[in-house]
Amino acid sequence: LHNVVTTMPARNTMKKSGKVLGALEEAIMDILWKKGQGTVREICDVVSRRRGIAYTTVMTVMARLHEKGILKRALHEGGAYVYTPQKPRAQFFEDASKIFIEQLIRDFGEIAVAQFFDVLERHDPAKLREWRNKLKKVK
């Protein structure tokens, strides 16, 4: 296998909607995170069970995920690429959320932080108290 490895250009993974991955990208990545690796044909077979999708569409999306540095790919002896996630799922979303939070703070400053705590207070007051205690320790 011939490996072609890239690193994820972090800022380019964020969509205007605030989502890191589109619906089809997410479906493909979920399969790859579970399987560990796969060819376009293997992934297309799984995705097409859930929704009618063309092989070429899956191939294009997987190539773009590779271009973004989210997937690695290696040329298999049979001529097909075998794709592998660049990072484990938890690490990918940890990195993406860090970038998203940094962008929010850069764009909105204290307002973003205040809104974060307001939303957290409405959804999980106990978690909010825990985080406030952690912040006090950091000071």
C-alpha atoms as a PDB file:
ATOM      1  CA  LEU A   1       0.000   0.000   0.000  1.00  0.00           C
ATOM      2  CA  HIS A   2       1.206   3.474  -0.893  1.00  0.00           C
ATOM      3  CA  ASN A   3       0.214   5.959   1.814  1.00  0.00           C
ATOM      4  CA  VAL A   4      -0.764   9.529   1.065  1.00  0.00           C
ATOM      5  CA  VAL A   5      -1.129  11.417   4.343  1.00  0.00           C
ATOM      6  CA  THR A   6      -2.184  14.995   4.897  1.00  0.00           C
ATOM      7  CA  THR A   7      -3.052  17.005   7.958  1.00  0.00           C
ATOM      8  CA  MET A   8      -6.474  18.492   8.502  1.00  0.00           C
ATOM      9  CA  PRO A   9      -6.599  22.189   7.615  1.00  0.00           C
ATOM     10  CA  ALA A  10      -8.542  22.973  10.763  1.00  0.00           C
ATOM     11  CA  ARG A  11     -10.258  26.212   9.817  1.00  0.00           C
ATOM     12  CA  ASN A  12     -11.497  24.803   6.514  1.00  0.00           C
ATOM     13  CA  THR A  13     -13.536  22.094   8.229  1.00  0.00           C
ATOM     14  CA  MET A  14     -16.087  24.506   9.654  1.00  0.00           C
ATOM     15  CA  LYS A  15     -19.176  25.090   7.546  1.00  0.00           C
ATOM     16  CA  LYS A  16     -21.196  28.309   7.501  1.00  0.00           C
ATOM     17  CA  SER A  17     -23.932  26.439   9.368  1.00  0.00           C
ATOM     18  CA  GLY A  18     -21.577  25.861  12.300  1.00  0.00           C
ATOM     19  CA  LYS A  19     -21.474  22.130  11.532  1.00  0.00           C
ATOM     20  CA  VAL A  20     -18.160  20.477  10.948  1.00  0.00           C
ATOM     21  CA  LEU A  21     -19.445  17.835   8.539  1.00  0.00           C
ATOM     22  CA  GLY A  22     -22.351  17.783   6.130  1.00  0.00           C
ATOM     23  CA  ALA A  23     -24.935  14.995   6.359  1.00  0.00           C
ATOM     24  CA  LEU A  24     -23.291  12.710   3.780  1.00  0.00           C
ATOM     25  CA  GLU A  25     -19.793  13.470   5.087  1.00  0.00           C
ATOM     26  CA  GLU A  26     -20.966  12.543   8.563  1.00  0.00           C
ATOM     27  CA  ALA A  27     -22.561   9.297   7.352  1.00  0.00           C
ATOM     28  CA  ILE A  28     -19.346   8.334   5.550  1.00  0.00           C
ATOM     29  CA  MET A  29     -17.163   9.216   8.514  1.00  0.00           C
ATOM     30  CA  ASP A  30     -19.406   7.284  10.925  1.00  0.00           C
ATOM     31  CA  ILE A  31     -18.936   4.168   8.798  1.00  0.00           C
ATOM     32  CA  LEU A  32     -15.181   4.670   8.541  1.00  0.00           C
ATOM     33  CA  TRP A  33     -14.789   5.337  12.266  1.00  0.00           C
ATOM     34  CA  LYS A  34     -16.638   2.081  12.967  1.00  0.00           C
ATOM     35  CA  LYS A  35     -14.903  -0.033  10.280  1.00  0.00           C
ATOM     36  CA  GLY A  36     -11.468   1.577  10.542  1.00  0.00           C
ATOM     37  CA  GLN A  37     -11.022   1.744   6.776  1.00  0.00           C
ATOM     38  CA  GLY A  38     -12.830   1.162   3.522  1.00  0.00           C
ATOM     39  CA  THR A  39     -12.943   1.638  -0.217  1.00  0.00           C
ATOM     40  CA  VAL A  40     -15.481   3.853  -1.953  1.00  0.00           C
ATOM     41  CA  ARG A  41     -17.382   0.713  -3.044  1.00  0.00           C
ATOM     42  CA  GLU A  42     -17.552  -0.641   0.533  1.00  0.00           C
ATOM     43  CA  ILE A  43     -18.714   2.683   1.947  1.00  0.00           C
ATOM     44  CA  CYS A  44     -21.173   3.248  -0.894  1.00  0.00           C
ATOM     45  CA  ASP A  45     -22.716  -0.201  -0.287  1.00  0.00           C
ATOM     46  CA  VAL A  46     -23.404   0.723   3.353  1.00  0.00           C
ATOM     47  CA  VAL A  47     -24.583   4.288   2.676  1.00  0.00           C
ATOM     48  CA  SER A  48     -26.863   3.242  -0.175  1.00  0.00           C
ATOM     49  CA  ARG A  49     -28.750   0.882   2.168  1.00  0.00           C
ATOM     50  CA  ARG A  50     -29.863   3.929   4.153  1.00  0.00           C
ATOM     51  CA  ARG A  51     -30.401   6.323   1.242  1.00  0.00           C
ATOM     52  CA  GLY A  52     -30.285   6.147  -2.518  1.00  0.00           C
ATOM     53  CA  ILE A  53     -26.894   7.572  -3.382  1.00  0.00           C
ATOM     54  CA  ALA A  54     -24.696   7.214  -6.447  1.00  0.00           C
ATOM     55  CA  TYR A  55     -21.240   5.661  -6.294  1.00  0.00           C
ATOM     56  CA  THR A  56     -19.763   8.780  -7.926  1.00  0.00           C
ATOM     57  CA  THR A  57     -21.276  11.001  -5.236  1.00  0.00           C
ATOM     58  CA  VAL A  58     -19.690   8.935  -2.467  1.00  0.00           C
ATOM     59  CA  MET A  59     -16.403   8.897  -4.385  1.00  0.00           C
ATOM     60  CA  THR A  60     -16.451  12.704  -4.738  1.00  0.00           C
ATOM     61  CA  VAL A  61     -17.263  13.267  -1.064  1.00  0.00           C
ATOM     62  CA  MET A  62     -14.544  10.867   0.088  1.00  0.00           C
ATOM     63  CA  ALA A  63     -12.002  12.532  -2.225  1.00  0.00           C
ATOM     64  CA  ARG A  64     -12.954  15.910  -0.762  1.00  0.00           C
ATOM     65  CA  LEU A  65     -12.633  14.582   2.790  1.00  0.00           C
ATOM     66  CA  HIS A  66      -9.154  13.459   1.793  1.00  0.00           C
ATOM     67  CA  GLU A  67      -8.360  16.903   0.311  1.00  0.00           C
ATOM     68  CA  LYS A  68      -9.503  18.517   3.570  1.00  0.00           C
ATOM     69  CA  GLY A  69      -7.148  16.226   5.468  1.00  0.00           C
ATOM     70  CA  ILE A  70      -9.943  14.400   7.283  1.00  0.00           C
ATOM     71  CA  LEU A  71      -9.213  11.095   5.531  1.00  0.00           C
ATOM     72  CA  LYS A  72      -5.957   9.395   4.595  1.00  0.00           C
ATOM     73  CA  ARG A  73      -5.930   7.203   1.563  1.00  0.00           C
ATOM     74  CA  ALA A  74      -3.676   4.453   0.304  1.00  0.00           C
ATOM     75  CA  LEU A  75      -3.670   2.953  -3.156  1.00  0.00           C
ATOM     76  CA  HIS A  76      -4.518  -0.746  -2.901  1.00  0.00           C
ATOM     77  CA  GLU A  77      -2.898  -3.283  -5.234  1.00  0.00           C
ATOM     78  CA  GLY A  78      -6.210  -3.633  -7.101  1.00  0.00           C
ATOM     79  CA  GLY A  79      -6.116   0.059  -8.018  1.00  0.00           C
ATOM     80  CA  ALA A  80      -8.767   1.281  -5.582  1.00  0.00           C
ATOM     81  CA  TYR A  81      -8.057   3.706  -2.770  1.00  0.00           C
ATOM     82  CA  VAL A  82      -8.513   2.496   0.776  1.00  0.00           C
ATOM     83  CA  TYR A  83      -9.582   5.375   3.030  1.00  0.00           C
ATOM     84  CA  THR A  84      -8.823   5.680   6.740  1.00  0.00           C
ATOM     85  CA  PRO A  85      -9.820   8.442   9.170  1.00  0.00           C
ATOM     86  CA  GLN A  86      -6.930  10.802   9.863  1.00  0.00           C
ATOM     87  CA  LYS A  87      -7.951  10.966  13.535  1.00  0.00           C
ATOM     88  CA  PRO A  88     -10.160   8.940  15.857  1.00  0.00           C
ATOM     89  CA  ARG A  89     -13.710  10.283  16.180  1.00  0.00           C
ATOM     90  CA  ALA A  90     -13.213  11.787  19.650  1.00  0.00           C
ATOM     91  CA  GLN A  91      -9.994  13.564  18.642  1.00  0.00           C
ATOM     92  CA  PHE A  92     -11.571  14.911  15.439  1.00  0.00           C
ATOM     93  CA  PHE A  93     -14.534  16.439  17.271  1.00  0.00           C
ATOM     94  CA  GLU A  94     -12.344  17.686  20.126  1.00  0.00           C
ATOM     95  CA  ASP A  95     -10.143  19.537  17.642  1.00  0.00           C
ATOM     96  CA  ALA A  96     -13.130  20.805  15.648  1.00  0.00           C
ATOM     97  CA  SER A  97     -14.950  22.066  18.753  1.00  0.00           C
ATOM     98  CA  LYS A  98     -11.816  23.867  19.918  1.00  0.00           C
ATOM     99  CA  ILE A  99     -11.597  25.635  16.551  1.00  0.00           C
ATOM    100  CA  PHE A 100     -15.309  26.462  16.641  1.00  0.00           C
ATOM    101  CA  ILE A 101     -15.057  27.906  20.164  1.00  0.00           C
ATOM    102  CA  GLU A 102     -11.960  29.931  19.276  1.00  0.00           C
ATOM    103  CA  GLN A 103     -13.814  31.342  16.250  1.00  0.00           C
ATOM    104  CA  LEU A 104     -16.856  32.231  18.375  1.00  0.00           C
ATOM    105  CA  ILE A 105     -14.711  34.013  20.938  1.00  0.00           C
ATOM    106  CA  ARG A 106     -12.729  35.791  18.227  1.00  0.00           C
ATOM    107  CA  ASP A 107     -15.937  36.926  16.486  1.00  0.00           C
ATOM    108  CA  PHE A 108     -18.129  37.666  19.520  1.00  0.00           C
ATOM    109  CA  GLY A 109     -15.827  37.868  22.559  1.00  0.00           C
ATOM    110  CA  GLU A 110     -17.448  38.006  25.966  1.00  0.00           C
ATOM    111  CA  ILE A 111     -20.938  37.845  24.459  1.00  0.00           C
ATOM    112  CA  ALA A 112     -20.256  34.293  23.212  1.00  0.00           C
ATOM    113  CA  VAL A 113     -18.965  33.176  26.602  1.00  0.00           C
ATOM    114  CA  ALA A 114     -21.936  34.745  28.402  1.00  0.00           C
ATOM    115  CA  GLN A 115     -24.399  33.090  26.008  1.00  0.00           C
ATOM    116  CA  PHE A 116     -22.671  29.757  26.478  1.00  0.00           C
ATOM    117  CA  PHE A 117     -23.202  29.962  30.231  1.00  0.00           C
ATOM    118  CA  ASP A 118     -26.825  31.111  29.781  1.00  0.00           C
ATOM    119  CA  VAL A 119     -27.598  28.126  27.550  1.00  0.00           C
ATOM    120  CA  LEU A 120     -25.796  25.727  29.876  1.00  0.00           C
ATOM    121  CA  GLU A 121     -27.689  27.084  32.878  1.00  0.00           C
ATOM    122  CA  ARG A 122     -31.025  26.404  31.145  1.00  0.00           C
ATOM    123  CA  HIS A 123     -30.041  22.862  30.177  1.00  0.00           C
ATOM    124  CA  ASP A 124     -27.843  21.630  33.026  1.00  0.00           C
ATOM    125  CA  PRO A 125     -27.503  23.834  36.129  1.00  0.00           C
ATOM    126  CA  ALA A 126     -25.391  21.226  37.950  1.00  0.00           C
ATOM    127  CA  LYS A 127     -22.870  21.152  35.092  1.00  0.00           C
ATOM    128  CA  LEU A 128     -22.762  24.951  35.129  1.00  0.00           C
ATOM    129  CA  ARG A 129     -21.828  24.961  38.834  1.00  0.00           C
ATOM    130  CA  GLU A 130     -19.125  22.365  38.167  1.00  0.00           C
ATOM    131  CA  TRP A 131     -17.616  24.461  35.341  1.00  0.00           C
ATOM    132  CA  ARG A 132     -17.751  27.669  37.366  1.00  0.00           C
ATOM    133  CA  ASN A 133     -15.808  25.904  40.138  1.00  0.00           C
ATOM    134  CA  LYS A 134     -13.235  24.768  37.586  1.00  0.00           C
ATOM    135  CA  LEU A 135     -12.893  28.325  36.289  1.00  0.00           C
ATOM    136  CA  LYS A 136     -12.305  29.621  39.818  1.00  0.00           C
ATOM    137  CA  LYS A 137      -9.449  27.137  40.235  1.00  0.00           C
ATOM    138  CA  VAL A 138      -7.845  28.287  36.964  1.00  0.00           C
ATOM    139  CA  LYS A 139      -7.674  31.918  38.076  1.00  0.00           C
END
